Amino acid sequence: MSAETLTQVQALTPDVAAQLWTRHVSVHADEIHPMQLREGHRLQPTVSGPDWLAEFDAVSSEDTAQAGRVARFLSSHFHAAEAAPVFFMTSRTLAYALTPAALAACWPCLLAISDEGPLLYQPATGNFVYFSPQGVLAGGEDGLVPDS
């Protein structure tokens, strides 16, 4: 990952990550991971994306990551607020904030941290994307975007 891209990625403290999760994902204490969200949770995917797993195995550089179908899907999904951060959440207490541009460049690096069903969420738009452990990308919009 380039130094410029790295400056656009910030690890959140566990407390800040937990506040983000509670506000935007779930207030239920037993829902501590995206794969533990209850059936019928409001973050239900409505859009399918490309197979991230096949592309992940083929990516060898940041440029390759940015040129692929996964990066195009992520960029189109989070395009409405380019400056607004996207949060990569692997659990209630582990999250990273990054720009949409950094996301397109370093999504394979994030999945190296966790590929166990992480969630991307952009509070400014309410858009979200799940990376399923089976390689499926799926997303949608929760419709509960806070007032600006």
C-alpha atoms as a PDB file:
ATOM      1  CA  MET A   1       0.000   0.000   0.000  1.00  0.00           C
ATOM      2  CA  SER A   2       1.387   3.427  -0.863  1.00  0.00           C
ATOM      3  CA  ALA A   3       2.218   5.947   1.853  1.00  0.00           C
ATOM      4  CA  GLU A   4      -0.432   8.295   0.420  1.00  0.00           C
ATOM      5  CA  THR A   5      -3.130   5.626   0.660  1.00  0.00           C
ATOM      6  CA  LEU A   6      -1.988   4.659   4.139  1.00  0.00           C
ATOM      7  CA  THR A   7      -2.639   8.223   5.366  1.00  0.00           C
ATOM      8  CA  GLN A   8      -6.286   7.747   4.333  1.00  0.00           C
ATOM      9  CA  VAL A   9      -6.782   4.737   6.640  1.00  0.00           C
ATOM     10  CA  GLN A  10      -7.223   5.146  10.394  1.00  0.00           C
ATOM     11  CA  ALA A  11      -7.703   2.430  13.000  1.00  0.00           C
ATOM     12  CA  LEU A  12     -10.391   3.319  15.525  1.00  0.00           C
ATOM     13  CA  THR A  13      -9.967   2.676  19.213  1.00  0.00           C
ATOM     14  CA  PRO A  14     -12.176  -0.145  20.561  1.00  0.00           C
ATOM     15  CA  ASP A  15     -14.360   2.417  22.383  1.00  0.00           C
ATOM     16  CA  VAL A  16     -14.896   4.539  19.274  1.00  0.00           C
ATOM     17  CA  ALA A  17     -15.561   1.418  17.191  1.00  0.00           C
ATOM     18  CA  ALA A  18     -18.152   0.256  19.755  1.00  0.00           C
ATOM     19  CA  GLN A  19     -19.908   3.639  19.658  1.00  0.00           C
ATOM     20  CA  LEU A  20     -19.995   3.533  15.853  1.00  0.00           C
ATOM     21  CA  TRP A  21     -21.383  -0.015  15.924  1.00  0.00           C
ATOM     22  CA  THR A  22     -24.032   0.837  18.507  1.00  0.00           C
ATOM     23  CA  ARG A  23     -25.158   3.931  16.629  1.00  0.00           C
ATOM     24  CA  HIS A  24     -25.189   2.524  13.088  1.00  0.00           C
ATOM     25  CA  VAL A  25     -25.344  -1.277  13.264  1.00  0.00           C
ATOM     26  CA  SER A  26     -26.823  -2.773  16.440  1.00  0.00           C
ATOM     27  CA  VAL A  27     -27.643  -1.901  20.041  1.00  0.00           C
ATOM     28  CA  HIS A  28     -28.042  -5.590  20.962  1.00  0.00           C
ATOM     29  CA  ALA A  29     -25.192  -6.789  23.188  1.00  0.00           C
ATOM     30  CA  ASP A  30     -25.140 -10.244  21.576  1.00  0.00           C
ATOM     31  CA  GLU A  31     -24.736  -8.843  18.049  1.00  0.00           C
ATOM     32  CA  ILE A  32     -20.996  -8.216  18.142  1.00  0.00           C
ATOM     33  CA  HIS A  33     -20.099  -9.341  14.611  1.00  0.00           C
ATOM     34  CA  PRO A  34     -21.750  -8.766  11.209  1.00  0.00           C
ATOM     35  CA  MET A  35     -22.477 -12.497  10.902  1.00  0.00           C
ATOM     36  CA  GLN A  36     -24.365 -12.415  14.230  1.00  0.00           C
ATOM     37  CA  LEU A  37     -26.961  -9.830  13.191  1.00  0.00           C
ATOM     38  CA  ARG A  38     -30.482 -11.144  13.681  1.00  0.00           C
ATOM     39  CA  GLU A  39     -32.583 -12.354  10.807  1.00  0.00           C
ATOM     40  CA  GLY A  40     -34.550  -9.427   9.437  1.00  0.00           C
ATOM     41  CA  HIS A  41     -31.945  -6.856  10.531  1.00  0.00           C
ATOM     42  CA  ARG A  42     -32.441  -3.562   8.706  1.00  0.00           C
ATOM     43  CA  LEU A  43     -29.075  -3.915   6.868  1.00  0.00           C
ATOM     44  CA  GLN A  44     -30.423  -6.435   4.368  1.00  0.00           C
ATOM     45  CA  PRO A  45     -28.568  -6.508   1.023  1.00  0.00           C
ATOM     46  CA  THR A  46     -30.535  -5.516  -2.046  1.00  0.00           C
ATOM     47  CA  VAL A  47     -27.650  -5.423  -4.560  1.00  0.00           C
ATOM     48  CA  SER A  48     -25.248  -8.213  -5.473  1.00  0.00           C
ATOM     49  CA  GLY A  49     -21.655  -7.550  -6.409  1.00  0.00           C
ATOM     50  CA  PRO A  50     -18.793  -9.496  -7.935  1.00  0.00           C
ATOM     51  CA  ASP A  51     -16.988 -12.455  -6.384  1.00  0.00           C
ATOM     52  CA  TRP A  52     -14.364 -10.806  -4.186  1.00  0.00           C
ATOM     53  CA  LEU A  53     -12.605 -14.064  -3.318  1.00  0.00           C
ATOM     54  CA  ALA A  54     -11.601 -14.886  -6.897  1.00  0.00           C
ATOM     55  CA  GLU A  55     -10.317 -11.362  -7.401  1.00  0.00           C
ATOM     56  CA  PHE A  56      -8.567 -11.304  -4.006  1.00  0.00           C
ATOM     57  CA  ASP A  57      -6.525 -14.346  -5.011  1.00  0.00           C
ATOM     58  CA  ALA A  58      -5.475 -12.632  -8.267  1.00  0.00           C
ATOM     59  CA  VAL A  59      -4.551  -9.197  -6.841  1.00  0.00           C
ATOM     60  CA  SER A  60      -0.837  -8.553  -6.555  1.00  0.00           C
ATOM     61  CA  SER A  61      -0.622  -4.786  -6.257  1.00  0.00           C
ATOM     62  CA  GLU A  62      -2.608  -1.683  -5.333  1.00  0.00           C
ATOM     63  CA  ASP A  63      -2.996  -0.780  -9.026  1.00  0.00           C
ATOM     64  CA  THR A  64      -4.484  -4.193  -9.775  1.00  0.00           C
ATOM     65  CA  ALA A  65      -6.859  -3.823  -6.827  1.00  0.00           C
ATOM     66  CA  GLN A  66      -8.085  -0.453  -8.118  1.00  0.00           C
ATOM     67  CA  ALA A  67      -8.676  -1.751 -11.638  1.00  0.00           C
ATOM     68  CA  GLY A  68     -10.874  -4.717 -10.776  1.00  0.00           C
ATOM     69  CA  ARG A  69     -14.585  -5.367 -10.575  1.00  0.00           C
ATOM     70  CA  VAL A  70     -14.586  -5.274  -6.764  1.00  0.00           C
ATOM     71  CA  ALA A  71     -13.060  -1.778  -6.683  1.00  0.00           C
ATOM     72  CA  ARG A  72     -15.552  -0.565  -9.302  1.00  0.00           C
ATOM     73  CA  PHE A  73     -18.451  -1.999  -7.292  1.00  0.00           C
ATOM     74  CA  LEU A  74     -17.196  -0.386  -4.064  1.00  0.00           C
ATOM     75  CA  SER A  75     -16.550   2.959  -5.791  1.00  0.00           C
ATOM     76  CA  SER A  76     -20.003   3.019  -7.355  1.00  0.00           C
ATOM     77  CA  HIS A  77     -21.654   2.015  -4.088  1.00  0.00           C
ATOM     78  CA  PHE A  78     -19.930   4.706  -2.016  1.00  0.00           C
ATOM     79  CA  HIS A  79     -19.724   7.434  -4.688  1.00  0.00           C
ATOM     80  CA  ALA A  80     -22.400   9.782  -3.318  1.00  0.00           C
ATOM     81  CA  ALA A  81     -20.183  11.294  -0.636  1.00  0.00           C
ATOM     82  CA  GLU A  82     -16.599  10.928  -1.821  1.00  0.00           C
ATOM     83  CA  ALA A  83     -15.106  12.781   1.141  1.00  0.00           C
ATOM     84  CA  ALA A  84     -17.246  11.002   3.720  1.00  0.00           C
ATOM     85  CA  PRO A  85     -15.497   8.132   5.489  1.00  0.00           C
ATOM     86  CA  VAL A  86     -16.363   4.507   4.972  1.00  0.00           C
ATOM     87  CA  PHE A  87     -15.947   2.236   7.983  1.00  0.00           C
ATOM     88  CA  PHE A  88     -14.582  -1.289   7.674  1.00  0.00           C
ATOM     89  CA  MET A  89     -16.035  -3.148  10.665  1.00  0.00           C
ATOM     90  CA  THR A  90     -14.993  -6.651  11.587  1.00  0.00           C
ATOM     91  CA  SER A  91     -16.740  -6.611  14.962  1.00  0.00           C
ATOM     92  CA  ARG A  92     -18.250  -4.277  17.528  1.00  0.00           C
ATOM     93  CA  THR A  93     -14.771  -3.209  18.715  1.00  0.00           C
ATOM     94  CA  LEU A  94     -12.559  -3.493  15.601  1.00  0.00           C
ATOM     95  CA  ALA A  95     -13.043  -0.916  12.868  1.00  0.00           C
ATOM     96  CA  TYR A  96     -11.109   1.276  10.455  1.00  0.00           C
ATOM     97  CA  ALA A  97     -12.114   4.587   8.875  1.00  0.00           C
ATOM     98  CA  LEU A  98     -10.992   5.243   5.320  1.00  0.00           C
ATOM     99  CA  THR A  99     -11.780   7.342   2.308  1.00  0.00           C
ATOM    100  CA  PRO A 100     -13.651   5.752  -0.608  1.00  0.00           C
ATOM    101  CA  ALA A 101     -10.492   6.160  -2.736  1.00  0.00           C
ATOM    102  CA  ALA A 102      -8.407   4.303  -0.170  1.00  0.00           C
ATOM    103  CA  LEU A 103     -11.080   1.608   0.002  1.00  0.00           C
ATOM    104  CA  ALA A 104     -10.850   0.999  -3.749  1.00  0.00           C
ATOM    105  CA  ALA A 105      -7.062   0.782  -3.484  1.00  0.00           C
ATOM    106  CA  CYS A 106      -6.672  -1.333  -0.374  1.00  0.00           C
ATOM    107  CA  TRP A 107      -9.727  -3.572  -0.042  1.00  0.00           C
ATOM    108  CA  PRO A 108      -7.485  -6.688  -0.265  1.00  0.00           C
ATOM    109  CA  CYS A 109      -5.382  -5.392   2.653  1.00  0.00           C
ATOM    110  CA  LEU A 110      -8.515  -4.969   4.748  1.00  0.00           C
ATOM    111  CA  LEU A 111      -9.620  -8.510   3.984  1.00  0.00           C
ATOM    112  CA  ALA A 112      -6.198  -9.722   5.080  1.00  0.00           C
ATOM    113  CA  ILE A 113      -7.179  -8.321   8.517  1.00  0.00           C
ATOM    114  CA  SER A 114     -10.469 -10.207   8.464  1.00  0.00           C
ATOM    115  CA  ASP A 115     -12.383 -12.015   5.761  1.00  0.00           C
ATOM    116  CA  GLU A 116     -14.953 -13.431   8.186  1.00  0.00           C
ATOM    117  CA  GLY A 117     -17.941 -11.457   6.944  1.00  0.00           C
ATOM    118  CA  PRO A 118     -16.788  -7.854   7.501  1.00  0.00           C
ATOM    119  CA  LEU A 119     -19.137  -4.935   6.942  1.00  0.00           C
ATOM    120  CA  LEU A 120     -18.453  -1.651   5.172  1.00  0.00           C
ATOM    121  CA  TYR A 121     -20.713   1.210   6.213  1.00  0.00           C
ATOM    122  CA  GLN A 122     -20.826   4.886   5.206  1.00  0.00           C
ATOM    123  CA  PRO A 123     -22.934   6.852   7.715  1.00  0.00           C
ATOM    124  CA  ALA A 124     -23.248   9.891   5.424  1.00  0.00           C
ATOM    125  CA  THR A 125     -25.165   7.837   2.836  1.00  0.00           C
ATOM    126  CA  GLY A 126     -26.385   4.837   4.806  1.00  0.00           C
ATOM    127  CA  ASN A 127     -24.808   2.595   2.175  1.00  0.00           C
ATOM    128  CA  PHE A 128     -23.322  -0.697   3.276  1.00  0.00           C
ATOM    129  CA  VAL A 129     -21.578  -3.727   1.796  1.00  0.00           C
ATOM    130  CA  TYR A 130     -20.966  -7.186   3.245  1.00  0.00           C
ATOM    131  CA  PHE A 131     -18.049  -9.395   2.237  1.00  0.00           C
ATOM    132  CA  SER A 132     -19.374 -12.912   2.796  1.00  0.00           C
ATOM    133  CA  PRO A 133     -16.839 -15.582   3.719  1.00  0.00           C
ATOM    134  CA  GLN A 134     -17.916 -17.474   0.585  1.00  0.00           C
ATOM    135  CA  GLY A 135     -16.740 -14.622  -1.669  1.00  0.00           C
ATOM    136  CA  VAL A 136     -20.037 -12.884  -2.364  1.00  0.00           C
ATOM    137  CA  LEU A 137     -20.271  -9.098  -2.210  1.00  0.00           C
ATOM    138  CA  ALA A 138     -23.706  -7.700  -1.410  1.00  0.00           C
ATOM    139  CA  GLY A 139     -24.912  -4.279  -0.345  1.00  0.00           C
ATOM    140  CA  GLY A 140     -27.715  -1.845   0.044  1.00  0.00           C
ATOM    141  CA  GLU A 141     -28.888   1.230   1.863  1.00  0.00           C
ATOM    142  CA  ASP A 142     -30.360   1.194   5.345  1.00  0.00           C
ATOM    143  CA  GLY A 143     -32.560   4.255   4.880  1.00  0.00           C
ATOM    144  CA  LEU A 144     -31.778   5.513   8.400  1.00  0.00           C
ATOM    145  CA  VAL A 145     -29.204   8.136   7.429  1.00  0.00           C
ATOM    146  CA  PRO A 146     -28.801  10.667  10.268  1.00  0.00           C
ATOM    147  CA  ASP A 147     -29.663  14.292   9.616  1.00  0.00           C
ATOM    148  CA  SER A 148     -26.714  16.284   8.281  1.00  0.00           C
END
